[in-house]
Amino acid sequence: MIRWVGAGLCILGLFLFLSALISFGMSLRVGIDKDHPGPLVTSGAFAISRNPLYIAFGLVLIGIFFIFPNSILFLYLIAGLWLLNRQVLREEDSLKKIYGEEYRSYCKKVRRYL
């Protein structure tokens, strides 16, 4: 039973990942381009969470652990979630500098995760 939950979380994570990619549209890029940042994406999946891609990765990590529960994957899960959160916090600092009040206003309306 728990493996089915894990599979469901993985599928949900993949669906959220694809939804976030579609929401990004033409603004999709790797990293933050400080010189040419483009518009701040706040619609689609980003209207629900400021970090839907990271939530998707987290769901997949949790799902994999439920499918194959063992101590090594548990450590991988904890380290992965910690690193995802660390990256989110670093990116938020950059986005505040780039987008200023527009990003701060967005933060007041939409949660960091869920």
C-alpha atoms as a PDB file:
ATOM      1  CA  MET A   1       0.000   0.000   0.000  1.00  0.00           C
ATOM      2  CA  ILE A   2       2.737   2.471   0.946  1.00  0.00           C
ATOM      3  CA  ARG A   3       4.441   1.840  -2.401  1.00  0.00           C
ATOM      4  CA  TRP A   4       1.284   2.961  -4.200  1.00  0.00           C
ATOM      5  CA  VAL A   5       1.357   6.160  -2.176  1.00  0.00           C
ATOM      6  CA  GLY A   6       4.975   6.616  -3.228  1.00  0.00           C
ATOM      7  CA  ALA A   7       4.097   6.036  -6.871  1.00  0.00           C
ATOM      8  CA  GLY A   8       1.246   8.548  -6.550  1.00  0.00           C
ATOM      9  CA  LEU A   9       3.599  11.145  -5.074  1.00  0.00           C
ATOM     10  CA  CYS A  10       6.073  10.597  -7.922  1.00  0.00           C
ATOM     11  CA  ILE A  11       3.315  11.006 -10.508  1.00  0.00           C
ATOM     12  CA  LEU A  12       1.990  14.102  -8.729  1.00  0.00           C
ATOM     13  CA  GLY A  13       5.527  15.510  -8.647  1.00  0.00           C
ATOM     14  CA  LEU A  14       5.980  14.935 -12.369  1.00  0.00           C
ATOM     15  CA  PHE A  15       2.600  16.522 -13.114  1.00  0.00           C
ATOM     16  CA  LEU A  16       3.499  19.565 -10.993  1.00  0.00           C
ATOM     17  CA  PHE A  17       6.904  19.774 -12.691  1.00  0.00           C
ATOM     18  CA  LEU A  18       5.312  19.820 -16.155  1.00  0.00           C
ATOM     19  CA  SER A  19       2.697  22.333 -15.013  1.00  0.00           C
ATOM     20  CA  ALA A  20       5.429  24.643 -13.706  1.00  0.00           C
ATOM     21  CA  LEU A  21       7.397  24.342 -16.943  1.00  0.00           C
ATOM     22  CA  ILE A  22       4.281  25.281 -18.918  1.00  0.00           C
ATOM     23  CA  SER A  23       3.686  28.219 -16.546  1.00  0.00           C
ATOM     24  CA  PHE A  24       7.233  29.439 -17.157  1.00  0.00           C
ATOM     25  CA  GLY A  25       6.565  29.570 -20.881  1.00  0.00           C
ATOM     26  CA  MET A  26       9.161  31.624 -22.713  1.00  0.00           C
ATOM     27  CA  SER A  27      10.685  32.807 -19.409  1.00  0.00           C
ATOM     28  CA  LEU A  28      12.234  29.388 -18.745  1.00  0.00           C
ATOM     29  CA  ARG A  29      15.990  29.437 -18.233  1.00  0.00           C
ATOM     30  CA  VAL A  30      18.572  27.787 -16.023  1.00  0.00           C
ATOM     31  CA  GLY A  31      19.637  30.049 -13.189  1.00  0.00           C
ATOM     32  CA  ILE A  32      18.846  33.707 -12.712  1.00  0.00           C
ATOM     33  CA  ASP A  33      19.967  36.124 -15.402  1.00  0.00           C
ATOM     34  CA  LYS A  34      20.674  39.292 -13.429  1.00  0.00           C
ATOM     35  CA  ASP A  35      21.400  41.333 -16.550  1.00  0.00           C
ATOM     36  CA  HIS A  36      18.269  40.309 -18.508  1.00  0.00           C
ATOM     37  CA  PRO A  37      15.852  38.866 -15.942  1.00  0.00           C
ATOM     38  CA  GLY A  38      12.655  38.911 -18.011  1.00  0.00           C
ATOM     39  CA  PRO A  39       9.220  39.267 -16.436  1.00  0.00           C
ATOM     40  CA  LEU A  40       8.449  37.780 -13.010  1.00  0.00           C
ATOM     41  CA  VAL A  41       6.264  34.686 -13.505  1.00  0.00           C
ATOM     42  CA  THR A  42       3.332  34.726 -11.059  1.00  0.00           C
ATOM     43  CA  SER A  43       0.618  32.836 -12.951  1.00  0.00           C
ATOM     44  CA  GLY A  44      -0.229  29.167 -13.441  1.00  0.00           C
ATOM     45  CA  ALA A  45       1.577  26.915 -10.962  1.00  0.00           C
ATOM     46  CA  PHE A  46       3.370  30.003  -9.619  1.00  0.00           C
ATOM     47  CA  ALA A  47       0.051  31.440  -8.440  1.00  0.00           C
ATOM     48  CA  ILE A  48      -0.213  28.525  -5.991  1.00  0.00           C
ATOM     49  CA  SER A  49       3.417  28.312  -4.868  1.00  0.00           C
ATOM     50  CA  ARG A  50       6.495  30.451  -5.439  1.00  0.00           C
ATOM     51  CA  ASN A  51       8.532  27.272  -5.916  1.00  0.00           C
ATOM     52  CA  PRO A  52       6.485  24.595  -7.696  1.00  0.00           C
ATOM     53  CA  LEU A  53       9.553  23.066  -9.365  1.00  0.00           C
ATOM     54  CA  TYR A  54      11.218  22.471  -6.014  1.00  0.00           C
ATOM     55  CA  ILE A  55       7.995  21.073  -4.556  1.00  0.00           C
ATOM     56  CA  ALA A  56       7.849  18.697  -7.530  1.00  0.00           C
ATOM     57  CA  PHE A  57      11.404  17.491  -6.868  1.00  0.00           C
ATOM     58  CA  GLY A  58      10.581  17.070  -3.176  1.00  0.00           C
ATOM     59  CA  LEU A  59       7.473  15.012  -3.947  1.00  0.00           C
ATOM     60  CA  VAL A  60       9.490  12.722  -6.206  1.00  0.00           C
ATOM     61  CA  LEU A  61      12.152  12.286  -3.499  1.00  0.00           C
ATOM     62  CA  ILE A  62       9.511  11.425  -0.900  1.00  0.00           C
ATOM     63  CA  GLY A  63       7.766   9.097  -3.346  1.00  0.00           C
ATOM     64  CA  ILE A  64      10.971   7.222  -4.138  1.00  0.00           C
ATOM     65  CA  PHE A  65      11.593   6.748  -0.424  1.00  0.00           C
ATOM     66  CA  PHE A  66       8.081   5.315   0.027  1.00  0.00           C
ATOM     67  CA  ILE A  67       8.613   2.939  -2.889  1.00  0.00           C
ATOM     68  CA  PHE A  68      12.048   1.773  -1.693  1.00  0.00           C
ATOM     69  CA  PRO A  69      12.194   2.511   2.058  1.00  0.00           C
ATOM     70  CA  ASN A  70      15.699   2.084   3.417  1.00  0.00           C
ATOM     71  CA  SER A  71      18.156   4.041   5.522  1.00  0.00           C
ATOM     72  CA  ILE A  72      20.301   5.199   2.584  1.00  0.00           C
ATOM     73  CA  LEU A  73      17.322   6.652   0.728  1.00  0.00           C
ATOM     74  CA  PHE A  74      16.110   8.207   3.972  1.00  0.00           C
ATOM     75  CA  LEU A  75      19.428  10.053   4.320  1.00  0.00           C
ATOM     76  CA  TYR A  76      19.214  10.997   0.638  1.00  0.00           C
ATOM     77  CA  LEU A  77      15.683  12.311   1.225  1.00  0.00           C
ATOM     78  CA  ILE A  78      16.691  14.424   4.231  1.00  0.00           C
ATOM     79  CA  ALA A  79      19.770  15.800   2.454  1.00  0.00           C
ATOM     80  CA  GLY A  80      17.776  16.454  -0.714  1.00  0.00           C
ATOM     81  CA  LEU A  81      15.008  18.349   1.080  1.00  0.00           C
ATOM     82  CA  TRP A  82      17.570  20.379   3.024  1.00  0.00           C
ATOM     83  CA  LEU A  83      19.429  21.284  -0.182  1.00  0.00           C
ATOM     84  CA  LEU A  84      16.197  22.198  -1.988  1.00  0.00           C
ATOM     85  CA  ASN A  85      15.221  24.526   0.861  1.00  0.00           C
ATOM     86  CA  ARG A  86      18.697  26.060   0.921  1.00  0.00           C
ATOM     87  CA  GLN A  87      18.533  26.741  -2.821  1.00  0.00           C
ATOM     88  CA  VAL A  88      15.059  28.283  -2.507  1.00  0.00           C
ATOM     89  CA  LEU A  89      16.299  30.693   0.163  1.00  0.00           C
ATOM     90  CA  ARG A  90      19.315  31.676  -1.959  1.00  0.00           C
ATOM     91  CA  GLU A  91      17.158  32.260  -5.031  1.00  0.00           C
ATOM     92  CA  GLU A  92      14.668  34.329  -3.054  1.00  0.00           C
ATOM     93  CA  ASP A  93      17.465  36.659  -1.962  1.00  0.00           C
ATOM     94  CA  SER A  94      18.472  37.137  -5.600  1.00  0.00           C
ATOM     95  CA  LEU A  95      14.877  37.667  -6.745  1.00  0.00           C
ATOM     96  CA  LYS A  96      14.354  40.339  -4.071  1.00  0.00           C
ATOM     97  CA  LYS A  97      17.375  42.219  -5.399  1.00  0.00           C
ATOM     98  CA  ILE A  98      16.334  41.870  -9.043  1.00  0.00           C
ATOM     99  CA  TYR A  99      12.582  42.473  -8.838  1.00  0.00           C
ATOM    100  CA  GLY A 100      12.400  44.524  -5.628  1.00  0.00           C
ATOM    101  CA  GLU A 101       8.911  45.510  -4.526  1.00  0.00           C
ATOM    102  CA  GLU A 102       7.235  43.460  -7.263  1.00  0.00           C
ATOM    103  CA  TYR A 103       8.721  40.268  -5.777  1.00  0.00           C
ATOM    104  CA  ARG A 104       8.038  41.318  -2.176  1.00  0.00           C
ATOM    105  CA  SER A 105       4.391  41.927  -3.080  1.00  0.00           C
ATOM    106  CA  TYR A 106       4.237  38.507  -4.749  1.00  0.00           C
ATOM    107  CA  CYS A 107       5.708  36.934  -1.585  1.00  0.00           C
ATOM    108  CA  LYS A 108       2.893  38.440   0.474  1.00  0.00           C
ATOM    109  CA  LYS A 109       0.272  36.853  -1.808  1.00  0.00           C
ATOM    110  CA  VAL A 110       1.776  33.426  -2.525  1.00  0.00           C
ATOM    111  CA  ARG A 111       3.387  30.984  -0.092  1.00  0.00           C
ATOM    112  CA  ARG A 112       6.948  29.774  -0.468  1.00  0.00           C
ATOM    113  CA  TYR A 113       5.875  26.140  -0.694  1.00  0.00           C
ATOM    114  CA  LEU A 114       2.207  25.221  -0.165  1.00  0.00           C
END
